[in-house]
């Protein structure tokens, strides 16, 4: 048997075929409030106060993983030690997760309004012939509720994959890859991932996709439209600049304020694909 050294390379130069969107902070729930307020309440019930900023740190992860990561924040672990005389353990994480589920289900509909520009952007994606997938850290039962709310408001993606549907959620690529399978779309460089959290960006990069970060409408700033408008101009600009910087440092190919600014970016990506570029 002869060993033959060989090289083989081919380049995809076709158009984009699909776009995968996050949910809270990307298409609905401006400021990504629904999960954050519930995490604060869950820890309050354990006599361990946390700030909403601490609640947001792991945003984008599976909700049980999210609770585990909050508990690992040094300041939170210290407060837990003071309240309970020990560090939080996996049994505490599981207990809080079980408390989280009904609390989150009870308030989801209150945070289900679509972010301005979502319907127009989705119409643009459809006009390009793109399939629309979605990923979320929400559990399937939460997503069923939100899908109904979104449909009532005019938005229905072609498929939705939850962190609980795959072996691991973000930043692993499995939700994106499952979306591609559900949509029947390949190669992965023909797909764009759009999201408002750093794990959204990492998820897309790990799946070999183009990534677009949304800096203004989601977890990075963590304020709703009215709260952002009420900020002093210099403070608002500083917060937005920091969000852009964090997303670019995470590896996002592009960062924009919100979903309404995504369509022109798709033209840029299509042009890069025609030149034979890859994510």
Protein backbone atom coordinates (compact mmCIF):
# COMPACT_ATOMS: atom_id res chain seq x y z
CA UNK A 1 0.00 0.00 0.00
CA UNK A 2 1.42 3.35 -1.06
CA UNK A 3 1.04 6.47 1.05
CA UNK A 4 0.19 9.43 -1.16
CA UNK A 5 0.55 12.98 0.05
CA UNK A 6 -2.26 15.08 -1.34
CA UNK A 7 -4.10 18.33 -0.85
CA UNK A 8 -7.67 19.12 -1.73
CA UNK A 9 -9.47 22.39 -1.27
CA UNK A 10 -12.74 23.79 -2.49
CA UNK A 11 -14.37 27.14 -1.81
CA UNK A 12 -18.05 27.94 -1.45
CA UNK A 13 -18.87 31.02 -3.55
CA UNK A 14 -22.65 30.85 -3.44
CA UNK A 15 -25.06 33.11 -1.56
CA UNK A 16 -26.17 33.04 2.05
CA UNK A 17 -28.88 30.45 2.58
CA UNK A 18 -30.01 30.91 6.18
CA UNK A 19 -29.88 33.15 9.22
CA UNK A 20 -30.11 31.96 12.82
CA UNK A 21 -31.49 34.42 15.35
CA UNK A 22 -31.41 34.49 19.12
CA UNK A 23 -34.61 35.36 21.01
CA UNK A 24 -34.51 37.59 24.13
CA UNK A 25 -32.58 40.77 23.36
CA UNK A 26 -32.43 39.99 19.64
CA UNK A 27 -35.98 39.64 18.33
CA UNK A 28 -38.04 40.24 21.48
CA UNK A 29 -37.66 41.55 25.05
CA UNK A 30 -35.62 44.72 24.43
CA UNK A 31 -32.92 44.74 27.11
CA UNK A 32 -33.21 40.99 27.77
CA UNK A 33 -35.06 41.47 31.04
CA UNK A 34 -37.17 38.31 31.43
CA UNK A 35 -34.38 35.95 32.54
CA UNK A 36 -32.44 38.56 34.53
CA UNK A 37 -35.27 39.60 36.83
CA UNK A 38 -36.11 35.97 37.61
CA UNK A 39 -32.52 35.08 38.49
CA UNK A 40 -32.49 38.00 40.95
CA UNK A 41 -35.71 36.71 42.54
CA UNK A 42 -34.45 33.13 42.80
CA UNK A 43 -31.35 34.18 44.74
CA UNK A 44 -33.40 36.56 46.89
CA UNK A 45 -35.49 33.58 47.97
CA UNK A 46 -32.26 31.93 49.13
CA UNK A 47 -31.40 35.04 51.21
CA UNK A 48 -28.55 35.85 48.84
CA UNK A 49 -29.09 39.20 47.11
CA UNK A 50 -27.53 39.57 43.67
CA UNK A 51 -27.52 42.56 41.36
CA UNK A 52 -29.14 42.46 37.97
CA UNK A 53 -25.66 43.01 36.51
CA UNK A 54 -24.46 39.82 38.23
CA UNK A 55 -27.54 38.01 36.97
CA UNK A 56 -26.61 39.00 33.41
CA UNK A 57 -22.99 37.83 33.40
CA UNK A 58 -23.57 34.30 31.98
CA UNK A 59 -26.53 35.30 29.77
CA UNK A 60 -26.99 33.08 26.75
CA UNK A 61 -26.19 29.82 28.54
CA UNK A 62 -28.61 27.00 29.42
CA UNK A 63 -30.51 28.27 32.45
CA UNK A 64 -29.13 25.67 34.86
CA UNK A 65 -25.60 26.42 33.65
CA UNK A 66 -26.45 30.11 34.06
CA UNK A 67 -27.34 29.58 37.73
CA UNK A 68 -24.17 27.55 38.26
CA UNK A 69 -22.06 30.33 36.76
CA UNK A 70 -23.77 33.04 38.85
CA UNK A 71 -23.02 30.97 41.96
CA UNK A 72 -19.35 30.85 40.96
CA UNK A 73 -19.03 34.64 40.85
CA UNK A 74 -16.70 35.42 43.75
CA UNK A 75 -18.89 38.11 45.32
CA UNK A 76 -22.01 35.95 45.06
CA UNK A 77 -20.24 32.93 46.57
CA UNK A 78 -19.08 35.16 49.44
CA UNK A 79 -22.65 36.32 50.12
CA UNK A 80 -23.83 32.72 50.02
CA UNK A 81 -21.11 31.78 52.52
CA UNK A 82 -22.25 34.57 54.83
CA UNK A 83 -25.90 33.52 54.57
CA UNK A 84 -25.49 29.74 54.74
CA UNK A 85 -22.07 29.10 56.26
CA UNK A 86 -20.85 27.20 53.20
CA UNK A 87 -20.32 27.56 49.49
CA UNK A 88 -23.20 26.85 47.08
CA UNK A 89 -23.09 23.31 45.71
CA UNK A 90 -24.72 21.42 42.86
CA UNK A 91 -27.75 20.57 45.00
CA UNK A 92 -28.31 24.30 45.51
CA UNK A 93 -27.99 24.89 41.76
CA UNK A 94 -30.57 22.19 41.04
CA UNK A 95 -32.96 23.53 43.70
CA UNK A 96 -32.72 27.07 42.31
CA UNK A 97 -33.18 25.78 38.77
CA UNK A 98 -36.38 24.05 39.80
CA UNK A 99 -37.60 27.30 41.39
CA UNK A 100 -36.56 29.26 38.32
CA UNK A 101 -38.73 27.30 35.87
CA UNK A 102 -42.22 28.23 37.16
CA UNK A 103 -41.15 31.80 37.94
CA UNK A 104 -39.86 32.26 34.40
CA UNK A 105 -42.94 30.68 32.84
CA UNK A 106 -45.17 32.98 34.87
CA UNK A 107 -43.62 36.20 33.57
CA UNK A 108 -42.45 35.38 30.03
CA UNK A 109 -45.53 36.81 28.32
CA UNK A 110 -44.86 40.15 30.03
CA UNK A 111 -41.58 40.42 28.10
CA UNK A 112 -42.73 39.08 24.72
CA UNK A 113 -43.03 42.28 22.71
CA UNK A 114 -40.95 42.21 19.55
CA UNK A 115 -38.02 44.58 19.32
CA UNK A 116 -38.76 47.43 16.88
CA UNK A 117 -37.54 46.55 13.40
CA UNK A 118 -37.84 42.78 13.87
CA UNK A 119 -40.75 42.25 11.49
CA UNK A 120 -39.19 44.46 8.82
CA UNK A 121 -35.84 42.66 9.11
CA UNK A 122 -37.49 39.24 8.96
CA UNK A 123 -39.42 40.32 5.85
CA UNK A 124 -36.09 41.33 4.29
CA UNK A 125 -34.55 37.96 5.16
CA UNK A 126 -37.52 36.18 3.57
CA UNK A 127 -37.26 38.33 0.44
CA UNK A 128 -33.68 37.11 0.04
CA UNK A 129 -34.87 33.51 0.16
CA UNK A 130 -33.18 32.89 3.50
CA UNK A 131 -34.40 30.19 5.87
CA UNK A 132 -34.78 31.48 9.42
CA UNK A 133 -33.63 29.41 12.37
CA UNK A 134 -33.31 30.32 16.04
CA UNK A 135 -31.44 29.27 19.17
CA UNK A 136 -32.19 30.00 22.80
CA UNK A 137 -31.07 29.25 26.33
CA UNK A 138 -34.73 28.88 27.30
CA UNK A 139 -36.17 25.43 27.97
CA UNK A 140 -38.56 23.90 25.44
CA UNK A 141 -41.66 24.53 27.58
CA UNK A 142 -40.70 28.21 27.85
CA UNK A 143 -40.07 28.40 24.14
CA UNK A 144 -43.48 26.96 23.27
CA UNK A 145 -45.06 29.84 25.19
CA UNK A 146 -42.82 32.42 23.49
CA UNK A 147 -43.39 30.93 20.03
CA UNK A 148 -47.11 31.47 20.47
CA UNK A 149 -46.55 35.05 21.64
CA UNK A 150 -44.20 35.72 18.71
CA UNK A 151 -46.59 34.17 16.18
CA UNK A 152 -49.41 36.34 17.51
CA UNK A 153 -47.15 39.33 16.82
CA UNK A 154 -46.25 38.21 13.29
CA UNK A 155 -42.92 36.41 13.72
CA UNK A 156 -42.44 32.66 13.28
CA UNK A 157 -38.99 31.21 12.50
CA UNK A 158 -38.73 28.03 10.45
CA UNK A 159 -37.16 26.13 13.34
CA UNK A 160 -36.20 26.72 16.96
CA UNK A 161 -33.59 24.78 18.92
CA UNK A 162 -33.35 25.08 22.70
CA UNK A 163 -30.31 24.41 24.86
CA UNK A 164 -32.26 21.54 26.41
CA UNK A 165 -32.60 19.91 22.96
CA UNK A 166 -28.86 19.29 22.53
CA UNK A 167 -26.02 17.81 24.64
CA UNK A 168 -24.62 21.25 25.57
CA UNK A 169 -25.81 24.79 25.00
CA UNK A 170 -23.68 27.81 24.14
CA UNK A 171 -20.85 28.35 23.52
CA UNK A 172 -20.83 24.86 22.01
CA UNK A 173 -22.06 24.86 18.37
CA UNK A 174 -24.68 22.13 18.68
CA UNK A 175 -27.79 24.33 18.58
CA UNK A 176 -26.56 25.98 15.38
CA UNK A 177 -25.67 22.65 13.82
CA UNK A 178 -29.08 21.24 14.75
CA UNK A 179 -30.69 24.28 13.13
CA UNK A 180 -28.74 23.59 9.94
CA UNK A 181 -29.94 19.98 9.99
CA UNK A 182 -33.54 20.99 10.63
CA UNK A 183 -33.41 23.51 7.79
CA UNK A 184 -31.51 21.21 5.45
CA UNK A 185 -28.89 23.91 4.86
CA UNK A 186 -25.14 23.60 4.29
CA UNK A 187 -22.29 24.53 4.15
CA UNK A 188 -22.06 26.37 7.46
CA UNK A 189 -20.40 29.38 5.82
CA UNK A 190 -23.73 29.94 4.04
CA UNK A 191 -25.36 30.68 7.41
CA UNK A 192 -25.22 33.77 9.64
CA UNK A 193 -25.68 33.75 13.42
CA UNK A 194 -27.19 36.89 14.98
CA UNK A 195 -27.38 37.48 18.73
CA UNK A 196 -27.01 39.93 21.59
CA UNK A 197 -24.73 37.96 23.96
CA UNK A 198 -21.09 36.96 23.84
CA UNK A 199 -22.00 33.23 23.94
CA UNK A 200 -24.18 33.90 20.87
CA UNK A 201 -21.07 35.03 19.03
CA UNK A 202 -18.97 32.14 20.31
CA UNK A 203 -21.68 29.66 19.34
CA UNK A 204 -21.70 30.91 15.77
CA UNK A 205 -17.92 30.98 15.48
CA UNK A 206 -17.64 27.46 16.85
CA UNK A 207 -20.17 26.32 14.23
CA UNK A 208 -18.12 27.87 11.41
CA UNK A 209 -20.67 30.59 10.67
CA UNK A 210 -20.60 34.32 10.05
CA UNK A 211 -21.57 36.19 13.23
CA UNK A 212 -23.32 39.51 13.81
CA UNK A 213 -23.53 40.94 17.32
CA UNK A 214 -26.36 43.22 18.43
CA UNK A 215 -24.92 45.70 20.90
CA UNK A 216 -27.82 47.93 21.88
CA UNK A 217 -31.00 45.88 22.27
CA UNK A 218 -29.89 43.04 24.49
CA UNK A 219 -27.86 41.85 27.42
CA UNK A 220 -24.68 43.85 26.83
CA UNK A 221 -26.32 47.16 27.76
CA UNK A 222 -29.24 45.53 29.57
CA UNK A 223 -31.68 48.44 29.34
CA UNK A 224 -34.95 48.79 27.49
CA UNK A 225 -35.58 51.39 24.82
CA UNK A 226 -37.03 53.97 27.21
CA UNK A 227 -34.21 53.54 29.74
CA UNK A 228 -31.58 53.99 27.05
CA UNK A 229 -33.31 57.12 25.78
CA UNK A 230 -33.30 58.54 29.32
CA UNK A 231 -29.53 58.18 29.73
CA UNK A 232 -27.30 61.25 29.41
CA UNK A 233 -25.96 61.21 25.86
CA UNK A 234 -22.32 60.69 26.85
CA UNK A 235 -23.22 57.80 29.16
CA UNK A 236 -25.34 56.12 26.49
CA UNK A 237 -22.58 56.46 23.92
CA UNK A 238 -19.99 55.06 26.35
CA UNK A 239 -22.13 52.04 27.19
CA UNK A 240 -22.74 51.34 23.51
CA UNK A 241 -19.05 51.68 22.65
CA UNK A 242 -18.16 49.22 25.41
CA UNK A 243 -20.73 46.74 24.08
CA UNK A 244 -19.34 47.03 20.55
CA UNK A 245 -15.81 46.51 21.86
CA UNK A 246 -16.71 43.40 23.89
CA UNK A 247 -18.45 41.81 20.92
CA UNK A 248 -15.61 42.52 18.52
CA UNK A 249 -13.09 41.20 21.06
CA UNK A 250 -15.14 37.99 21.28
CA UNK A 251 -14.67 37.59 17.54
CA UNK A 252 -17.87 38.91 15.95
CA UNK A 253 -17.44 39.54 12.24
CA UNK A 254 -19.81 42.52 12.48
CA UNK A 255 -21.55 44.42 15.28
CA UNK A 256 -24.59 46.68 14.86
CA UNK A 257 -27.07 48.35 17.20
CA UNK A 258 -30.05 46.09 16.52
CA UNK A 259 -31.72 43.67 14.14
CA UNK A 260 -32.95 46.53 11.93
CA UNK A 261 -29.33 47.12 10.86
CA UNK A 262 -28.64 43.50 9.87
CA UNK A 263 -29.90 43.51 6.22
CA UNK A 264 -27.09 45.70 4.78
CA UNK A 265 -24.53 43.48 6.53
CA UNK A 266 -25.88 40.47 4.66
CA UNK A 267 -24.97 42.21 1.40
CA UNK A 268 -21.39 42.59 2.65
CA UNK A 269 -21.21 38.92 3.61
CA UNK A 270 -22.63 37.84 0.24
CA UNK A 271 -19.90 39.87 -1.46
CA UNK A 272 -17.22 38.25 0.69
CA UNK A 273 -18.59 34.80 -0.17
CA UNK A 274 -18.43 35.63 -3.88
CA UNK A 275 -14.74 36.43 -3.40
CA UNK A 276 -14.23 33.01 -1.85
CA UNK A 277 -13.83 34.26 1.73
CA UNK A 278 -14.87 32.11 4.67
CA UNK A 279 -15.86 33.07 8.24
